[in-house]
N, C-alpha and C. Protein backbone atom coordinates (compact mmCIF):
# COMPACT_ATOMS: atom_id res chain seq x y z
N MET A 1 -17.03 -3.25 4.46
CA MET A 1 -16.06 -2.14 4.72
C MET A 1 -16.28 -1.72 6.33
N LYS A 2 -15.12 -1.60 6.94
CA LYS A 2 -15.14 -1.26 8.42
C LYS A 2 -14.35 0.03 8.71
N GLN A 3 -15.02 0.74 9.55
CA GLN A 3 -14.27 2.09 9.94
C GLN A 3 -13.23 1.74 11.05
N LEU A 4 -12.09 2.27 10.74
CA LEU A 4 -10.90 2.13 11.72
C LEU A 4 -10.65 3.34 12.53
N ALA A 5 -10.94 4.54 11.88
CA ALA A 5 -10.75 5.84 12.49
C ALA A 5 -11.54 6.86 11.78
N GLU A 6 -11.56 8.08 12.13
CA GLU A 6 -12.45 9.06 11.50
C GLU A 6 -11.93 9.12 9.99
N ASP A 7 -12.89 8.93 9.10
CA ASP A 7 -12.53 9.00 7.62
C ASP A 7 -11.54 7.98 7.19
N VAL A 8 -11.49 6.94 7.93
CA VAL A 8 -10.50 5.76 7.45
C VAL A 8 -11.20 4.53 7.56
N HIS A 9 -11.43 3.88 6.35
CA HIS A 9 -12.12 2.60 6.25
C HIS A 9 -11.25 1.56 5.55
N GLN A 10 -11.36 0.31 6.05
CA GLN A 10 -10.69 -0.79 5.49
C GLN A 10 -11.79 -1.66 4.66
N LEU A 11 -11.50 -1.85 3.40
CA LEU A 11 -12.43 -2.60 2.61
C LEU A 11 -12.31 -4.12 3.05
N ASP A 12 -13.38 -4.89 2.99
CA ASP A 12 -13.35 -6.26 3.26
C ASP A 12 -12.65 -7.10 2.13
N GLY A 13 -12.01 -8.16 2.41
CA GLY A 13 -11.35 -9.00 1.55
C GLY A 13 -11.37 -10.40 2.00
N TRP A 14 -10.98 -11.33 1.06
CA TRP A 14 -10.80 -12.80 1.46
C TRP A 14 -9.55 -13.34 0.87
N PRO A 15 -8.74 -13.89 1.85
CA PRO A 15 -8.88 -13.98 3.26
C PRO A 15 -8.79 -12.65 3.95
N PRO A 16 -9.36 -12.45 5.11
CA PRO A 16 -9.43 -11.20 5.74
C PRO A 16 -7.94 -10.71 6.03
N ASN A 17 -7.76 -9.47 5.68
CA ASN A 17 -6.53 -8.65 5.95
C ASN A 17 -5.36 -9.17 5.06
N ALA A 18 -5.63 -10.02 4.03
CA ALA A 18 -4.58 -10.54 3.26
C ALA A 18 -4.06 -9.48 2.23
N ILE A 19 -4.79 -8.82 1.50
CA ILE A 19 -4.44 -7.80 0.50
C ILE A 19 -5.36 -6.62 0.74
N ASN A 20 -4.87 -5.69 1.47
CA ASN A 20 -5.66 -4.54 2.06
C ASN A 20 -5.90 -3.45 1.07
N VAL A 21 -7.08 -2.87 1.11
CA VAL A 21 -7.44 -1.62 0.38
C VAL A 21 -8.06 -0.70 1.35
N TYR A 22 -7.80 0.60 1.29
CA TYR A 22 -8.38 1.58 2.32
C TYR A 22 -9.02 2.72 1.50
N LEU A 23 -10.02 3.25 2.25
CA LEU A 23 -10.58 4.53 1.83
C LEU A 23 -10.34 5.55 2.91
N ILE A 24 -9.52 6.56 2.56
CA ILE A 24 -9.36 7.70 3.44
C ILE A 24 -10.12 8.91 2.98
N ALA A 25 -11.13 9.30 3.71
CA ALA A 25 -12.03 10.37 3.18
C ALA A 25 -12.51 9.99 1.83
N ASP A 26 -12.18 10.63 0.79
CA ASP A 26 -12.57 10.42 -0.53
C ASP A 26 -11.54 9.89 -1.42
N VAL A 27 -10.46 9.34 -0.86
CA VAL A 27 -9.26 8.74 -1.70
C VAL A 27 -9.19 7.32 -1.51
N LEU A 28 -9.16 6.54 -2.47
CA LEU A 28 -8.91 5.10 -2.38
C LEU A 28 -7.36 4.83 -2.32
N VAL A 29 -6.96 4.08 -1.40
CA VAL A 29 -5.54 3.73 -1.17
C VAL A 29 -5.31 2.35 -1.58
N ASP A 30 -4.55 2.12 -2.64
CA ASP A 30 -4.26 0.81 -3.21
C ASP A 30 -5.42 0.10 -3.77
N ALA A 31 -5.24 -0.89 -4.63
CA ALA A 31 -6.38 -1.48 -5.38
C ALA A 31 -6.27 -2.99 -5.57
N ALA A 32 -5.49 -3.68 -4.71
CA ALA A 32 -5.36 -5.16 -4.72
C ALA A 32 -4.94 -5.62 -6.13
N THR A 33 -5.23 -6.85 -6.42
CA THR A 33 -4.80 -7.51 -7.74
C THR A 33 -5.92 -7.13 -8.83
N ARG A 34 -5.58 -7.56 -9.95
CA ARG A 34 -6.54 -7.29 -11.09
C ARG A 34 -7.88 -7.97 -10.86
N ARG A 35 -7.87 -8.97 -10.00
CA ARG A 35 -9.13 -9.73 -9.66
C ARG A 35 -10.01 -9.04 -8.56
N GLY A 36 -9.38 -7.90 -8.07
CA GLY A 36 -10.05 -7.29 -6.96
C GLY A 36 -11.11 -6.20 -7.38
N GLU A 37 -11.25 -5.99 -8.72
CA GLU A 37 -12.10 -4.86 -9.15
C GLU A 37 -13.55 -4.96 -8.58
N LYS A 38 -14.12 -6.14 -8.75
CA LYS A 38 -15.57 -6.32 -8.33
C LYS A 38 -15.81 -6.02 -6.94
N ARG A 39 -14.88 -6.60 -6.07
CA ARG A 39 -15.11 -6.35 -4.62
C ARG A 39 -14.83 -4.92 -4.13
N ILE A 40 -13.90 -4.22 -4.87
CA ILE A 40 -13.76 -2.82 -4.61
C ILE A 40 -14.93 -1.98 -4.97
N MET A 41 -15.36 -2.18 -6.12
CA MET A 41 -16.42 -1.30 -6.72
C MET A 41 -17.74 -1.61 -5.92
N ARG A 42 -18.00 -2.88 -5.53
CA ARG A 42 -19.22 -3.19 -4.73
C ARG A 42 -19.16 -2.48 -3.37
N GLN A 43 -17.99 -2.46 -2.83
CA GLN A 43 -17.89 -1.81 -1.48
C GLN A 43 -17.98 -0.31 -1.47
N ILE A 44 -17.40 0.26 -2.52
CA ILE A 44 -17.41 1.71 -2.69
C ILE A 44 -18.86 2.20 -2.94
N GLY A 45 -19.56 1.52 -3.69
CA GLY A 45 -20.96 1.76 -3.86
C GLY A 45 -21.17 3.12 -4.35
N GLU A 46 -22.01 3.87 -3.61
CA GLU A 46 -22.40 5.26 -4.04
C GLU A 46 -21.48 6.34 -3.29
N ARG A 47 -20.46 5.80 -2.68
CA ARG A 47 -19.49 6.76 -2.02
C ARG A 47 -18.89 7.74 -2.98
N HIS A 48 -18.70 8.97 -2.59
CA HIS A 48 -17.99 9.94 -3.41
C HIS A 48 -16.45 9.73 -3.34
N VAL A 49 -15.88 9.20 -4.36
CA VAL A 49 -14.46 8.98 -4.38
C VAL A 49 -13.81 9.84 -5.52
N THR A 50 -12.86 10.64 -5.11
CA THR A 50 -12.31 11.71 -6.10
C THR A 50 -10.97 11.31 -6.66
N ALA A 51 -10.25 10.40 -6.01
CA ALA A 51 -8.90 10.10 -6.47
C ALA A 51 -8.50 8.72 -5.96
N HIS A 52 -7.48 8.13 -6.61
CA HIS A 52 -6.97 6.82 -6.15
C HIS A 52 -5.39 7.04 -6.06
N THR A 53 -4.78 6.51 -4.87
CA THR A 53 -3.48 6.60 -4.80
C THR A 53 -2.83 5.27 -4.40
N LEU A 54 -1.61 5.06 -4.83
CA LEU A 54 -0.93 3.82 -4.58
C LEU A 54 0.20 4.04 -3.55
N THR A 55 0.38 3.14 -2.64
CA THR A 55 1.55 3.15 -1.74
C THR A 55 2.84 2.77 -2.59
N HIS A 56 2.64 1.82 -3.42
CA HIS A 56 3.73 1.46 -4.44
C HIS A 56 3.16 0.60 -5.51
N ALA A 57 3.98 0.39 -6.62
CA ALA A 57 3.58 -0.27 -7.77
C ALA A 57 3.96 -1.68 -7.76
N HIS A 58 3.29 -2.56 -6.98
CA HIS A 58 3.40 -3.94 -7.02
C HIS A 58 1.97 -4.52 -7.43
N PRO A 59 2.02 -5.59 -8.07
CA PRO A 59 0.74 -6.18 -8.58
C PRO A 59 -0.34 -6.38 -7.58
N ASP A 60 -0.02 -6.69 -6.38
CA ASP A 60 -1.14 -6.81 -5.43
C ASP A 60 -1.65 -5.53 -4.81
N HIS A 61 -1.13 -4.46 -5.37
CA HIS A 61 -1.62 -3.02 -4.97
C HIS A 61 -2.12 -2.27 -6.18
N GLN A 62 -1.48 -2.48 -7.35
CA GLN A 62 -1.80 -1.85 -8.53
C GLN A 62 -2.82 -2.54 -9.49
N GLY A 63 -3.18 -3.76 -9.12
CA GLY A 63 -3.84 -4.62 -10.14
C GLY A 63 -5.15 -4.00 -10.71
N SER A 64 -5.99 -3.46 -9.94
CA SER A 64 -7.23 -2.97 -10.28
C SER A 64 -7.30 -1.37 -10.36
N SER A 65 -6.07 -0.84 -10.40
CA SER A 65 -6.00 0.56 -10.48
C SER A 65 -6.63 1.20 -11.70
N HIS A 66 -6.19 0.68 -12.88
CA HIS A 66 -6.72 1.17 -14.24
C HIS A 66 -8.20 1.03 -14.26
N ALA A 67 -8.71 -0.19 -13.85
CA ALA A 67 -10.18 -0.34 -13.99
C ALA A 67 -10.99 0.53 -12.99
N VAL A 68 -10.49 0.71 -11.83
CA VAL A 68 -11.24 1.58 -10.86
C VAL A 68 -11.16 3.01 -11.37
N CYS A 69 -10.07 3.53 -11.77
CA CYS A 69 -9.91 4.93 -12.28
C CYS A 69 -10.81 5.13 -13.47
N GLU A 70 -10.84 4.18 -14.44
CA GLU A 70 -11.69 4.32 -15.61
C GLU A 70 -13.18 4.27 -15.23
N THR A 71 -13.59 3.38 -14.35
CA THR A 71 -14.98 3.30 -13.99
C THR A 71 -15.45 4.48 -13.25
N LEU A 72 -14.59 5.06 -12.35
CA LEU A 72 -15.06 6.15 -11.57
C LEU A 72 -14.69 7.53 -12.25
N GLY A 73 -13.90 7.50 -13.14
CA GLY A 73 -13.41 8.71 -13.79
C GLY A 73 -12.51 9.53 -12.86
N ILE A 74 -11.57 8.98 -12.17
CA ILE A 74 -10.90 9.57 -11.09
C ILE A 74 -9.36 9.49 -11.48
N PRO A 75 -8.47 10.48 -11.05
CA PRO A 75 -7.07 10.46 -11.33
C PRO A 75 -6.35 9.38 -10.44
N LEU A 76 -5.18 9.01 -10.94
CA LEU A 76 -4.32 8.15 -10.22
C LEU A 76 -3.08 8.86 -9.72
N TRP A 77 -2.72 8.57 -8.43
CA TRP A 77 -1.49 9.17 -7.88
C TRP A 77 -0.60 8.10 -7.39
N CYS A 78 0.77 8.36 -7.35
CA CYS A 78 1.70 7.48 -6.77
C CYS A 78 2.98 8.28 -6.53
N GLY A 79 3.94 7.69 -5.76
CA GLY A 79 5.23 8.25 -5.62
C GLY A 79 5.93 8.49 -6.88
N GLN A 80 6.88 9.57 -6.86
CA GLN A 80 7.48 9.95 -8.07
C GLN A 80 8.20 8.84 -8.69
N ALA A 81 9.05 8.07 -7.97
CA ALA A 81 9.82 7.05 -8.53
C ALA A 81 9.08 5.81 -9.09
N GLU A 82 7.74 5.80 -8.63
CA GLU A 82 6.95 4.68 -9.16
C GLU A 82 6.21 5.00 -10.57
N VAL A 83 6.28 6.21 -11.00
CA VAL A 83 5.47 6.54 -12.26
C VAL A 83 5.79 5.78 -13.35
N PRO A 84 7.11 5.48 -13.66
CA PRO A 84 7.41 4.73 -14.83
C PRO A 84 6.77 3.31 -14.83
N ALA A 85 6.77 2.61 -13.78
CA ALA A 85 6.23 1.32 -13.54
C ALA A 85 4.66 1.36 -13.75
N VAL A 86 4.02 2.44 -13.22
CA VAL A 86 2.60 2.55 -13.29
C VAL A 86 2.09 2.92 -14.76
N GLU A 87 2.91 3.78 -15.45
CA GLU A 87 2.37 4.34 -16.69
C GLU A 87 2.83 3.49 -17.93
N SER A 88 3.93 2.84 -17.92
CA SER A 88 4.54 2.27 -19.14
C SER A 88 4.13 0.82 -19.31
N PRO A 89 3.55 0.42 -20.47
CA PRO A 89 3.32 -0.90 -20.77
C PRO A 89 4.48 -1.86 -20.55
N GLY A 90 4.23 -2.90 -19.74
CA GLY A 90 5.33 -3.89 -19.53
C GLY A 90 6.32 -3.43 -18.41
N ALA A 91 6.30 -2.24 -17.91
CA ALA A 91 7.22 -1.85 -16.84
C ALA A 91 7.00 -2.40 -15.55
N MET A 92 5.79 -2.90 -15.31
CA MET A 92 5.51 -3.48 -14.00
C MET A 92 6.35 -4.73 -13.76
N ARG A 93 6.82 -5.41 -14.82
CA ARG A 93 7.62 -6.63 -14.80
C ARG A 93 8.96 -6.32 -13.88
N GLY A 94 9.39 -5.05 -13.97
CA GLY A 94 10.58 -4.83 -13.23
C GLY A 94 10.35 -4.64 -11.73
N ASN A 95 8.98 -4.46 -11.27
CA ASN A 95 8.64 -4.37 -9.91
C ASN A 95 8.11 -5.67 -9.37
N GLN A 96 8.08 -6.76 -10.28
CA GLN A 96 7.47 -7.97 -9.77
C GLN A 96 8.58 -8.91 -9.13
N ALA A 97 8.09 -9.83 -8.37
CA ALA A 97 8.98 -10.84 -7.83
C ALA A 97 9.57 -11.65 -8.91
N PRO A 98 10.85 -12.24 -8.80
CA PRO A 98 11.54 -13.01 -9.78
C PRO A 98 10.94 -14.33 -9.85
N GLY A 99 11.23 -15.04 -11.01
CA GLY A 99 10.90 -16.50 -11.22
C GLY A 99 9.49 -16.69 -11.50
N LEU A 100 9.07 -17.96 -11.09
CA LEU A 100 7.75 -18.34 -11.29
C LEU A 100 6.69 -17.49 -10.63
N LEU A 101 6.97 -17.02 -9.38
CA LEU A 101 6.01 -16.05 -8.72
C LEU A 101 5.70 -14.88 -9.56
N GLY A 102 6.76 -14.26 -10.03
CA GLY A 102 6.64 -13.17 -10.89
C GLY A 102 5.91 -13.39 -12.16
N ALA A 103 6.00 -14.53 -12.76
CA ALA A 103 5.27 -14.84 -13.99
C ALA A 103 3.82 -15.04 -13.60
N LEU A 104 3.51 -15.67 -12.45
CA LEU A 104 2.10 -15.75 -12.20
C LEU A 104 1.47 -14.52 -11.82
N GLN A 105 2.21 -13.61 -11.20
CA GLN A 105 1.68 -12.20 -10.82
C GLN A 105 1.40 -11.45 -12.10
N GLY A 106 2.40 -11.59 -13.08
CA GLY A 106 2.15 -10.93 -14.35
C GLY A 106 0.92 -11.39 -15.02
N ARG A 107 0.64 -12.73 -15.04
CA ARG A 107 -0.44 -13.29 -15.69
C ARG A 107 -1.82 -12.96 -14.99
N TYR A 108 -1.80 -13.11 -13.67
CA TYR A 108 -3.17 -13.03 -12.99
C TYR A 108 -3.29 -11.82 -12.03
N TRP A 109 -2.37 -11.09 -11.69
CA TRP A 109 -2.49 -10.02 -10.77
C TRP A 109 -2.30 -8.65 -11.35
N THR A 110 -1.38 -8.42 -12.34
CA THR A 110 -0.92 -7.16 -12.75
C THR A 110 -2.05 -6.57 -13.62
N GLY A 111 -2.32 -5.32 -13.38
CA GLY A 111 -3.26 -4.52 -14.23
C GLY A 111 -2.55 -3.82 -15.26
N PRO A 112 -3.44 -3.30 -16.24
CA PRO A 112 -2.88 -2.40 -17.28
C PRO A 112 -2.30 -1.13 -16.80
N PRO A 113 -1.33 -0.56 -17.57
CA PRO A 113 -0.76 0.76 -17.17
C PRO A 113 -1.82 1.77 -17.18
N HIS A 114 -1.53 2.90 -16.50
CA HIS A 114 -2.54 3.89 -16.32
C HIS A 114 -1.75 5.31 -16.23
N PRO A 115 -2.21 6.38 -16.83
CA PRO A 115 -1.51 7.71 -16.64
C PRO A 115 -1.56 8.17 -15.18
N VAL A 116 -0.49 8.65 -14.74
CA VAL A 116 -0.27 9.32 -13.35
C VAL A 116 -0.52 10.71 -13.49
N ALA A 117 -1.60 11.09 -12.74
CA ALA A 117 -2.03 12.61 -12.78
C ALA A 117 -1.25 13.42 -11.73
N ARG A 118 -0.72 12.73 -10.71
CA ARG A 118 0.04 13.38 -9.68
C ARG A 118 1.20 12.55 -9.08
N ALA A 119 2.36 13.01 -9.23
CA ALA A 119 3.47 12.34 -8.63
C ALA A 119 3.79 12.81 -7.26
N LEU A 120 3.59 12.05 -6.23
CA LEU A 120 3.62 12.38 -4.80
C LEU A 120 4.99 12.45 -4.30
N LYS A 121 5.30 13.49 -3.49
CA LYS A 121 6.61 13.61 -2.81
C LYS A 121 6.32 13.91 -1.44
N ALA A 122 7.32 13.83 -0.64
CA ALA A 122 7.32 13.95 0.84
C ALA A 122 6.68 15.36 1.13
N GLY A 123 5.73 15.42 2.16
CA GLY A 123 5.14 16.54 2.58
C GLY A 123 3.79 16.87 1.81
N ASP A 124 3.47 16.17 0.70
CA ASP A 124 2.21 16.43 0.09
C ASP A 124 1.05 16.02 0.86
N ASP A 125 -0.10 16.61 0.69
CA ASP A 125 -1.25 16.17 1.46
C ASP A 125 -2.18 15.38 0.58
N VAL A 126 -2.64 14.15 1.23
CA VAL A 126 -3.63 13.36 0.63
C VAL A 126 -4.77 13.10 1.59
N ALA A 127 -5.89 13.73 1.32
CA ALA A 127 -6.99 13.58 2.16
C ALA A 127 -6.71 13.80 3.65
N GLY A 128 -5.89 14.85 4.00
CA GLY A 128 -5.58 15.09 5.32
C GLY A 128 -4.41 14.34 5.91
N PHE A 129 -3.83 13.44 5.12
CA PHE A 129 -2.66 12.71 5.44
C PHE A 129 -1.34 13.32 4.87
N THR A 130 -0.33 13.33 5.61
CA THR A 130 0.98 13.81 4.99
C THR A 130 1.66 12.62 4.25
N VAL A 131 2.20 12.89 3.05
CA VAL A 131 2.97 11.85 2.39
C VAL A 131 4.31 11.71 3.00
N LEU A 132 4.77 10.50 3.26
CA LEU A 132 6.20 10.15 3.74
C LEU A 132 6.87 9.33 2.68
N GLU A 133 7.94 9.73 2.27
CA GLU A 133 8.74 8.79 1.37
C GLU A 133 9.44 7.79 2.22
N THR A 134 9.15 6.51 1.87
CA THR A 134 9.62 5.29 2.63
C THR A 134 10.10 4.30 1.72
N PRO A 135 11.16 4.54 1.02
CA PRO A 135 11.63 3.64 0.01
C PRO A 135 12.36 2.42 0.60
N GLY A 136 12.66 1.48 -0.21
CA GLY A 136 13.31 0.23 0.06
C GLY A 136 12.67 -1.05 -0.50
N HIS A 137 11.33 -1.14 -0.13
CA HIS A 137 10.68 -2.23 -0.69
C HIS A 137 10.40 -1.99 -2.16
N THR A 138 10.18 -0.78 -2.62
CA THR A 138 10.40 -0.26 -3.95
C THR A 138 11.01 1.09 -3.93
N ARG A 139 11.47 1.61 -4.97
CA ARG A 139 12.21 2.90 -5.00
C ARG A 139 11.29 4.08 -4.62
N GLY A 140 10.01 4.01 -5.00
CA GLY A 140 9.13 5.10 -4.84
C GLY A 140 8.08 4.81 -3.81
N HIS A 141 8.31 3.86 -2.88
CA HIS A 141 7.25 3.60 -1.95
C HIS A 141 6.88 4.85 -1.02
N VAL A 142 5.61 4.98 -0.86
CA VAL A 142 5.20 6.17 0.14
C VAL A 142 4.29 5.57 1.12
N SER A 143 4.26 6.17 2.30
CA SER A 143 3.39 5.85 3.44
C SER A 143 2.59 7.25 3.72
N MET A 144 1.62 7.24 4.52
CA MET A 144 0.82 8.41 4.80
C MET A 144 0.54 8.47 6.23
N TRP A 145 0.65 9.71 6.82
CA TRP A 145 0.60 9.95 8.26
C TRP A 145 -0.33 11.09 8.55
N ARG A 146 -1.21 10.86 9.51
CA ARG A 146 -2.16 11.93 10.00
C ARG A 146 -1.74 12.19 11.52
N GLU A 147 -1.22 13.31 11.73
CA GLU A 147 -0.60 13.54 12.92
C GLU A 147 -1.59 13.77 14.08
N TYR A 148 -2.71 14.41 13.91
CA TYR A 148 -3.61 14.76 15.05
C TYR A 148 -4.14 13.54 15.75
N ASP A 149 -4.35 12.49 15.03
CA ASP A 149 -4.78 11.27 15.73
C ASP A 149 -3.81 10.06 15.56
N ARG A 150 -2.68 10.37 14.94
CA ARG A 150 -1.51 9.49 14.81
C ARG A 150 -1.94 8.10 14.08
N VAL A 151 -2.63 8.34 12.97
CA VAL A 151 -3.00 7.25 12.07
C VAL A 151 -1.98 7.08 10.91
N LEU A 152 -1.46 5.93 10.72
CA LEU A 152 -0.48 5.70 9.62
C LEU A 152 -0.88 4.69 8.77
N ILE A 153 -0.71 5.01 7.43
CA ILE A 153 -0.91 4.01 6.35
C ILE A 153 0.46 3.56 5.93
N VAL A 154 0.81 2.34 6.31
CA VAL A 154 2.16 1.77 6.23
C VAL A 154 2.53 1.45 4.80
N GLY A 155 1.56 0.81 4.03
CA GLY A 155 1.99 0.18 2.81
C GLY A 155 2.65 -1.10 3.18
N ASP A 156 3.77 -1.47 2.48
CA ASP A 156 4.43 -2.76 2.69
C ASP A 156 5.93 -2.49 3.36
N VAL A 157 6.13 -1.34 3.93
CA VAL A 157 7.36 -1.28 4.62
C VAL A 157 7.52 -2.34 5.75
N LEU A 158 6.37 -2.71 6.37
CA LEU A 158 6.26 -3.81 7.25
C LEU A 158 4.95 -4.51 6.90
N THR A 159 4.77 -5.78 7.22
CA THR A 159 3.43 -6.45 7.19
C THR A 159 3.14 -6.96 8.60
N ASN A 160 1.85 -7.11 8.76
CA ASN A 160 1.35 -7.62 10.05
C ASN A 160 0.70 -9.05 9.90
N MET A 161 1.38 -9.78 9.03
CA MET A 161 1.14 -11.21 8.80
C MET A 161 2.25 -11.80 8.06
N SER A 162 2.46 -13.03 8.19
CA SER A 162 3.46 -13.78 7.41
C SER A 162 2.93 -14.01 6.01
N LEU A 163 3.68 -13.55 4.98
CA LEU A 163 3.17 -13.82 3.58
C LEU A 163 3.51 -15.23 3.14
N THR A 164 4.14 -16.03 3.97
CA THR A 164 4.34 -17.40 3.55
C THR A 164 3.48 -18.38 4.32
N THR A 165 3.06 -17.96 5.49
CA THR A 165 2.19 -18.89 6.32
C THR A 165 0.81 -18.33 6.55
N GLY A 166 0.65 -17.04 6.31
CA GLY A 166 -0.66 -16.41 6.65
C GLY A 166 -0.91 -16.12 8.11
N LEU A 167 0.04 -16.47 8.96
CA LEU A 167 -0.13 -16.27 10.37
C LEU A 167 0.01 -14.80 10.75
N PRO A 168 -0.74 -14.33 11.74
CA PRO A 168 -0.50 -12.84 12.13
C PRO A 168 0.78 -12.63 12.93
N GLY A 169 1.32 -11.38 12.85
CA GLY A 169 2.48 -10.98 13.42
C GLY A 169 3.28 -10.05 12.48
N LEU A 170 4.11 -9.26 13.13
CA LEU A 170 4.90 -8.32 12.34
C LEU A 170 6.01 -9.01 11.62
N HIS A 171 6.25 -8.55 10.33
CA HIS A 171 7.36 -9.15 9.60
C HIS A 171 7.96 -7.99 8.70
N GLU A 172 9.10 -8.17 8.29
CA GLU A 172 9.66 -7.32 7.12
C GLU A 172 8.99 -7.91 5.80
N PRO A 173 8.93 -7.14 4.83
CA PRO A 173 8.52 -7.61 3.51
C PRO A 173 9.45 -8.65 2.93
N LEU A 174 8.91 -9.58 2.15
CA LEU A 174 9.79 -10.67 1.61
C LEU A 174 11.04 -10.11 0.85
N ALA A 175 12.15 -10.79 1.28
CA ALA A 175 13.44 -10.24 0.79
C ALA A 175 13.59 -10.26 -0.69
N PHE A 176 13.00 -11.35 -1.34
CA PHE A 176 13.19 -11.49 -2.76
C PHE A 176 12.45 -10.39 -3.55
N ALA A 177 11.47 -9.83 -2.83
CA ALA A 177 10.50 -8.82 -3.43
C ALA A 177 11.05 -7.39 -2.95
N THR A 178 12.06 -7.31 -2.32
CA THR A 178 12.52 -6.02 -1.65
C THR A 178 13.92 -5.72 -2.15
N PRO A 179 14.20 -4.86 -3.20
CA PRO A 179 15.50 -4.67 -3.75
C PRO A 179 16.43 -4.01 -2.80
N ASP A 180 16.03 -3.30 -1.77
CA ASP A 180 16.96 -2.62 -0.90
C ASP A 180 16.53 -2.85 0.50
N PRO A 181 16.74 -4.03 1.17
CA PRO A 181 16.27 -4.30 2.50
C PRO A 181 16.74 -3.30 3.57
N ALA A 182 18.07 -2.86 3.44
CA ALA A 182 18.71 -2.04 4.39
C ALA A 182 17.91 -0.59 4.37
N ARG A 183 17.65 -0.09 3.17
CA ARG A 183 16.90 1.15 3.19
C ARG A 183 15.43 0.96 3.64
N ASN A 184 14.86 -0.14 3.41
CA ASN A 184 13.55 -0.40 3.93
C ASN A 184 13.52 -0.43 5.43
N ARG A 185 14.64 -1.01 6.03
CA ARG A 185 14.66 -1.05 7.54
C ARG A 185 14.74 0.47 8.06
N ASP A 186 15.50 1.27 7.32
CA ASP A 186 15.57 2.80 7.70
C ASP A 186 14.09 3.30 7.66
N SER A 187 13.39 2.94 6.62
CA SER A 187 11.99 3.43 6.44
C SER A 187 11.16 3.00 7.70
N ALA A 188 11.36 1.65 8.01
CA ALA A 188 10.59 1.12 9.10
C ALA A 188 10.88 1.80 10.33
N ARG A 189 12.21 2.18 10.61
CA ARG A 189 12.51 2.85 11.83
C ARG A 189 11.91 4.20 11.90
N SER A 190 11.89 4.88 10.77
CA SER A 190 11.32 6.24 10.76
C SER A 190 9.81 6.22 11.02
N LEU A 191 9.18 5.11 10.56
CA LEU A 191 7.66 5.07 10.86
C LEU A 191 7.35 4.65 12.31
N ALA A 192 8.18 3.72 12.88
CA ALA A 192 8.01 3.37 14.33
C ALA A 192 8.26 4.60 15.17
N ALA A 193 9.23 5.50 14.83
CA ALA A 193 9.47 6.60 15.63
C ALA A 193 8.30 7.60 15.69
N LEU A 194 7.36 7.48 14.90
CA LEU A 194 6.17 8.30 14.93
C LEU A 194 5.23 7.91 16.07
N GLU A 195 5.30 6.68 16.51
CA GLU A 195 4.52 6.01 17.58
C GLU A 195 3.06 6.20 17.17
N PRO A 196 2.65 5.57 16.07
CA PRO A 196 1.35 5.58 15.48
C PRO A 196 0.35 4.93 16.48
N SER A 197 -0.77 5.58 16.72
CA SER A 197 -1.90 4.89 17.57
C SER A 197 -2.62 3.84 16.80
N LEU A 198 -2.53 3.96 15.39
CA LEU A 198 -3.09 2.96 14.46
C LEU A 198 -2.16 2.94 13.28
N ALA A 199 -1.75 1.70 13.02
CA ALA A 199 -0.97 1.48 11.79
C ALA A 199 -1.78 0.49 10.84
N CYS A 200 -1.96 0.89 9.60
CA CYS A 200 -2.72 0.16 8.65
C CYS A 200 -1.81 -0.35 7.59
N PHE A 201 -1.73 -1.65 7.41
CA PHE A 201 -0.73 -2.31 6.62
C PHE A 201 -1.32 -2.75 5.27
N GLY A 202 -0.48 -2.94 4.31
CA GLY A 202 -0.88 -3.52 3.12
C GLY A 202 -1.38 -4.98 3.26
N HIS A 203 -0.72 -5.75 4.17
CA HIS A 203 -1.05 -7.06 4.48
C HIS A 203 -0.98 -7.27 6.04
N GLY A 204 -2.06 -7.77 6.49
CA GLY A 204 -2.19 -8.00 7.97
C GLY A 204 -3.27 -7.04 8.62
N ALA A 205 -3.58 -7.37 9.76
CA ALA A 205 -4.61 -6.57 10.54
C ALA A 205 -4.01 -5.30 10.97
N PRO A 206 -4.93 -4.32 11.22
CA PRO A 206 -4.41 -3.03 11.80
C PRO A 206 -3.79 -3.24 13.16
N LEU A 207 -2.94 -2.41 13.48
CA LEU A 207 -2.22 -2.49 14.80
C LEU A 207 -2.38 -1.22 15.64
N ARG A 208 -2.77 -1.37 16.84
CA ARG A 208 -3.04 -0.29 17.70
C ARG A 208 -2.16 -0.38 19.01
N ASP A 209 -0.93 -0.73 18.74
CA ASP A 209 0.02 -0.88 19.80
C ASP A 209 1.37 -0.30 19.32
N PRO A 210 1.62 0.93 19.61
CA PRO A 210 2.92 1.58 19.07
C PRO A 210 4.16 0.91 19.74
N ARG A 211 4.03 0.42 20.91
CA ARG A 211 5.16 -0.27 21.58
C ARG A 211 5.50 -1.55 20.96
N LYS A 212 4.61 -2.28 20.41
CA LYS A 212 4.86 -3.52 19.76
C LYS A 212 5.61 -3.23 18.41
N LEU A 213 5.07 -2.15 17.79
CA LEU A 213 5.85 -1.76 16.49
C LEU A 213 7.24 -1.45 16.86
N ALA A 214 7.44 -0.55 17.79
CA ALA A 214 8.74 -0.08 18.19
C ALA A 214 9.74 -1.19 18.57
N ASP A 215 9.26 -2.15 19.30
CA ASP A 215 9.98 -3.27 19.84
C ASP A 215 10.51 -4.09 18.62
N PHE A 216 9.57 -4.38 17.71
CA PHE A 216 9.88 -5.18 16.54
C PHE A 216 10.96 -4.43 15.75
N VAL A 217 10.77 -3.19 15.41
CA VAL A 217 11.79 -2.46 14.62
C VAL A 217 13.12 -2.42 15.33
N ALA A 218 13.21 -2.36 16.69
CA ALA A 218 14.33 -2.28 17.37
C ALA A 218 15.22 -3.48 17.24
N ARG A 219 14.65 -4.62 16.91
CA ARG A 219 15.28 -5.92 16.75
C ARG A 219 15.80 -6.10 15.33
N LEU A 220 15.49 -5.22 14.42
CA LEU A 220 15.95 -5.36 13.08
C LEU A 220 17.48 -5.17 13.04
N GLY A 221 18.09 -5.74 12.05
CA GLY A 221 19.46 -5.58 11.80
C GLY A 221 19.73 -4.34 10.97
N ASP A 222 20.97 -4.12 10.57
CA ASP A 222 21.24 -3.00 9.70
C ASP A 222 20.89 -3.36 8.36
């Protein structure tokens, strides 16, 4: 686990930066796939964690949520529109990629459903971060913003690596896994306008260059 900013840590994973999990103060953000439970629990260790929140309900973020919440006895939070997918048995299938990839995610990545204790909405506070509603990649996707030091938890509005090649660089999320690309671009523009000093992605290394983010978003179509 490495510290990125005050009370912001990125858990180690393999390959590095591929499927990211963060700890912001005492709240765990995302939980990788169902196979990520051991590495998450090992790195949390004796740290005091009081809650777990999701940026969105995709299998590579939700997979270990149930296991972590049960083991630590902590509540699960997510965006309002993600609640049905998180809570209902089988509902995650509607948030998975189509075809063979979706079938593989369902078998190897998706975790069991879990009750949502808090449905997040814009303006809510999570460990000193303000919740931003950033839909497009999913209906209820949320990001988190800490204004005083301009730290942004992006989720999957954008990635800082190619999910097809693994190479570093800014990208939109995969189109076949993003039901509303135009709305996601609007969300990306709203995040870039914040000029974050540190952007933490669901996939890819953290970025400390707000101009690079702004330039990328400026090139996006409608």
